[in-house]
Amino acid sequence: MKKILSLLQPYVKLKKKQVELGLEIFNKLENKKSNKDFLDICKLVDKFKQLNYSKKRTITYDTVIKSLPP
């Protein structure tokens, strides 16, 4: 998926912010080492909510943080 986004990035006009955010998420996923790193990624995923309207999305940063052990 990351490769596809990278290939499409120069041609995307309307969803440019989504592509950039997606690539940032993929890069951070590759370097994820702790629960904090994972929660940081969850916050980035939540940014998609601001860029795209989705009624069906139920798992958010808040949902994930509640399910992780202290």
N, C-alpha and C. Protein backbone atom coordinates (compact mmCIF):
# COMPACT_ATOMS: atom_id res chain seq x y z
N MET A 1 0.82 -1.19 0.00
CA MET A 1 0.00 0.00 0.00
C MET A 1 0.87 1.26 0.00
N LYS A 2 1.96 1.22 0.79
CA LYS A 2 2.84 2.37 0.85
C LYS A 2 3.43 2.67 -0.53
N LYS A 3 3.81 1.62 -1.24
CA LYS A 3 4.39 1.80 -2.57
C LYS A 3 3.37 2.43 -3.53
N ILE A 4 2.14 1.99 -3.44
CA ILE A 4 1.08 2.54 -4.30
C ILE A 4 0.88 4.02 -4.00
N LEU A 5 0.81 4.38 -2.71
CA LEU A 5 0.65 5.79 -2.35
C LEU A 5 1.83 6.62 -2.85
N SER A 6 3.03 6.08 -2.72
CA SER A 6 4.22 6.79 -3.19
C SER A 6 4.19 7.01 -4.69
N LEU A 7 3.71 6.00 -5.43
CA LEU A 7 3.63 6.13 -6.89
C LEU A 7 2.55 7.12 -7.31
N LEU A 8 1.46 7.15 -6.57
CA LEU A 8 0.34 8.03 -6.91
C LEU A 8 0.54 9.47 -6.44
N GLN A 9 1.37 9.67 -5.43
CA GLN A 9 1.51 10.97 -4.78
C GLN A 9 1.72 12.13 -5.76
N PRO A 10 2.58 12.02 -6.77
CA PRO A 10 2.79 13.17 -7.66
C PRO A 10 1.55 13.55 -8.49
N TYR A 11 0.62 12.61 -8.63
CA TYR A 11 -0.54 12.83 -9.50
C TYR A 11 -1.81 13.20 -8.76
N VAL A 12 -1.81 13.02 -7.45
CA VAL A 12 -3.00 13.28 -6.64
C VAL A 12 -3.16 14.78 -6.40
N LYS A 13 -4.36 15.27 -6.63
CA LYS A 13 -4.65 16.70 -6.42
C LYS A 13 -5.65 16.91 -5.28
N LEU A 14 -6.76 16.19 -5.32
CA LEU A 14 -7.84 16.43 -4.36
C LEU A 14 -7.61 15.79 -2.99
N LYS A 15 -6.89 14.71 -2.94
CA LYS A 15 -6.67 13.98 -1.68
C LYS A 15 -5.20 14.03 -1.28
N LYS A 16 -4.54 15.11 -1.61
CA LYS A 16 -3.11 15.25 -1.35
C LYS A 16 -2.78 15.11 0.14
N LYS A 17 -3.57 15.75 0.99
CA LYS A 17 -3.31 15.68 2.43
C LYS A 17 -3.47 14.26 2.96
N GLN A 18 -4.46 13.53 2.42
CA GLN A 18 -4.67 12.15 2.85
C GLN A 18 -3.49 11.28 2.45
N VAL A 19 -2.97 11.47 1.24
CA VAL A 19 -1.82 10.68 0.79
C VAL A 19 -0.61 10.98 1.67
N GLU A 20 -0.35 12.24 1.94
CA GLU A 20 0.79 12.61 2.79
C GLU A 20 0.65 12.02 4.18
N LEU A 21 -0.54 12.09 4.74
CA LEU A 21 -0.79 11.54 6.06
C LEU A 21 -0.65 10.02 6.05
N GLY A 22 -1.15 9.38 5.02
CA GLY A 22 -1.02 7.93 4.88
C GLY A 22 0.44 7.50 4.83
N LEU A 23 1.24 8.21 4.06
CA LEU A 23 2.67 7.88 3.98
C LEU A 23 3.36 8.09 5.33
N GLU A 24 2.98 9.15 6.04
CA GLU A 24 3.55 9.40 7.36
C GLU A 24 3.20 8.26 8.31
N ILE A 25 1.96 7.78 8.25
CA ILE A 25 1.53 6.68 9.10
C ILE A 25 2.31 5.41 8.77
N PHE A 26 2.46 5.10 7.49
CA PHE A 26 3.21 3.91 7.10
C PHE A 26 4.66 3.99 7.58
N ASN A 27 5.27 5.16 7.47
CA ASN A 27 6.65 5.32 7.92
C ASN A 27 6.77 5.10 9.43
N LYS A 28 5.80 5.62 10.17
CA LYS A 28 5.83 5.46 11.63
C LYS A 28 5.55 4.01 12.03
N LEU A 29 4.69 3.32 11.27
CA LEU A 29 4.40 1.92 11.56
C LEU A 29 5.66 1.06 11.42
N GLU A 30 6.49 1.39 10.45
CA GLU A 30 7.71 0.63 10.23
C GLU A 30 8.69 0.79 11.39
N ASN A 31 8.61 1.90 12.10
CA ASN A 31 9.55 2.18 13.19
C ASN A 31 8.91 2.07 14.57
N LYS A 32 7.71 1.49 14.64
CA LYS A 32 6.98 1.38 15.91
C LYS A 32 7.72 0.45 16.86
N LYS A 33 7.99 0.96 18.07
CA LYS A 33 8.73 0.17 19.03
C LYS A 33 8.02 0.06 20.39
N SER A 34 7.02 0.87 20.63
CA SER A 34 6.39 0.87 21.95
C SER A 34 4.90 1.19 21.82
N ASN A 35 4.20 1.06 22.94
CA ASN A 35 2.78 1.43 22.96
C ASN A 35 2.60 2.92 22.69
N LYS A 36 3.54 3.74 23.17
CA LYS A 36 3.46 5.18 22.92
C LYS A 36 3.56 5.47 21.42
N ASP A 37 4.47 4.78 20.74
CA ASP A 37 4.58 4.94 19.29
C ASP A 37 3.26 4.57 18.61
N PHE A 38 2.67 3.47 19.08
CA PHE A 38 1.40 3.02 18.50
C PHE A 38 0.30 4.05 18.74
N LEU A 39 0.26 4.63 19.93
CA LEU A 39 -0.76 5.64 20.24
C LEU A 39 -0.54 6.90 19.40
N ASP A 40 0.71 7.24 19.15
CA ASP A 40 0.99 8.38 18.27
C ASP A 40 0.45 8.12 16.86
N ILE A 41 0.58 6.88 16.41
CA ILE A 41 0.04 6.50 15.10
C ILE A 41 -1.49 6.59 15.13
N CYS A 42 -2.09 6.16 16.23
CA CYS A 42 -3.55 6.24 16.36
C CYS A 42 -4.03 7.69 16.26
N LYS A 43 -3.27 8.61 16.83
CA LYS A 43 -3.64 10.03 16.72
C LYS A 43 -3.59 10.49 15.27
N LEU A 44 -2.60 10.03 14.53
CA LEU A 44 -2.51 10.39 13.11
C LEU A 44 -3.70 9.83 12.34
N VAL A 45 -4.08 8.60 12.65
CA VAL A 45 -5.24 7.99 11.99
C VAL A 45 -6.49 8.80 12.30
N ASP A 46 -6.59 9.29 13.52
CA ASP A 46 -7.75 10.12 13.89
C ASP A 46 -7.81 11.41 13.06
N LYS A 47 -6.67 11.88 12.58
CA LYS A 47 -6.67 13.08 11.74
C LYS A 47 -7.45 12.85 10.44
N PHE A 48 -7.51 11.59 9.99
CA PHE A 48 -8.30 11.30 8.80
C PHE A 48 -9.76 11.68 9.01
N LYS A 49 -10.22 11.58 10.25
CA LYS A 49 -11.61 11.94 10.56
C LYS A 49 -11.88 13.39 10.17
N GLN A 50 -10.87 14.24 10.37
CA GLN A 50 -11.04 15.65 10.01
C GLN A 50 -11.01 15.83 8.49
N LEU A 51 -10.26 14.98 7.80
CA LEU A 51 -10.13 15.10 6.35
C LEU A 51 -11.26 14.38 5.61
N ASN A 52 -11.72 13.29 6.17
CA ASN A 52 -12.79 12.48 5.56
C ASN A 52 -13.90 12.28 6.56
N TYR A 53 -15.11 12.42 6.13
CA TYR A 53 -16.25 12.19 7.00
C TYR A 53 -16.61 10.71 6.94
N SER A 54 -16.64 10.04 8.09
CA SER A 54 -16.98 8.62 8.13
C SER A 54 -17.88 8.34 9.32
N LYS A 55 -19.07 7.84 9.05
CA LYS A 55 -20.01 7.48 10.11
C LYS A 55 -19.67 6.11 10.69
N LYS A 56 -19.01 5.26 9.91
CA LYS A 56 -18.81 3.86 10.31
C LYS A 56 -17.59 3.65 11.21
N ARG A 57 -16.68 4.58 11.27
CA ARG A 57 -15.45 4.40 12.04
C ARG A 57 -15.75 4.45 13.53
N THR A 58 -15.39 3.36 14.24
CA THR A 58 -15.68 3.29 15.67
C THR A 58 -14.43 3.17 16.53
N ILE A 59 -13.32 2.72 15.95
CA ILE A 59 -12.09 2.57 16.72
C ILE A 59 -11.25 3.83 16.56
N THR A 60 -11.07 4.56 17.66
CA THR A 60 -10.33 5.81 17.65
C THR A 60 -9.17 5.71 18.65
N TYR A 61 -8.39 6.77 18.73
CA TYR A 61 -7.30 6.85 19.71
C TYR A 61 -7.83 6.57 21.11
N ASP A 62 -8.95 7.18 21.47
CA ASP A 62 -9.52 6.98 22.80
C ASP A 62 -9.90 5.52 23.05
N THR A 63 -10.43 4.84 22.03
CA THR A 63 -10.79 3.43 22.16
C THR A 63 -9.55 2.59 22.40
N VAL A 64 -8.48 2.87 21.66
CA VAL A 64 -7.25 2.10 21.77
C VAL A 64 -6.60 2.32 23.13
N ILE A 65 -6.52 3.56 23.57
CA ILE A 65 -5.85 3.83 24.85
C ILE A 65 -6.58 3.16 26.01
N LYS A 66 -7.88 3.03 25.93
CA LYS A 66 -8.64 2.37 26.98
C LYS A 66 -8.38 0.85 27.00
N SER A 67 -8.03 0.30 25.85
CA SER A 67 -7.84 -1.15 25.77
C SER A 67 -6.41 -1.59 26.08
N LEU A 68 -5.47 -0.65 26.14
CA LEU A 68 -4.08 -1.00 26.44
C LEU A 68 -3.86 -1.11 27.94
N PRO A 69 -2.99 -2.03 28.33
CA PRO A 69 -2.68 -2.13 29.77
C PRO A 69 -1.88 -0.90 30.22
N PRO A 70 -1.99 -0.54 31.48
CA PRO A 70 -1.28 0.66 31.98
C PRO A 70 0.23 0.52 31.94
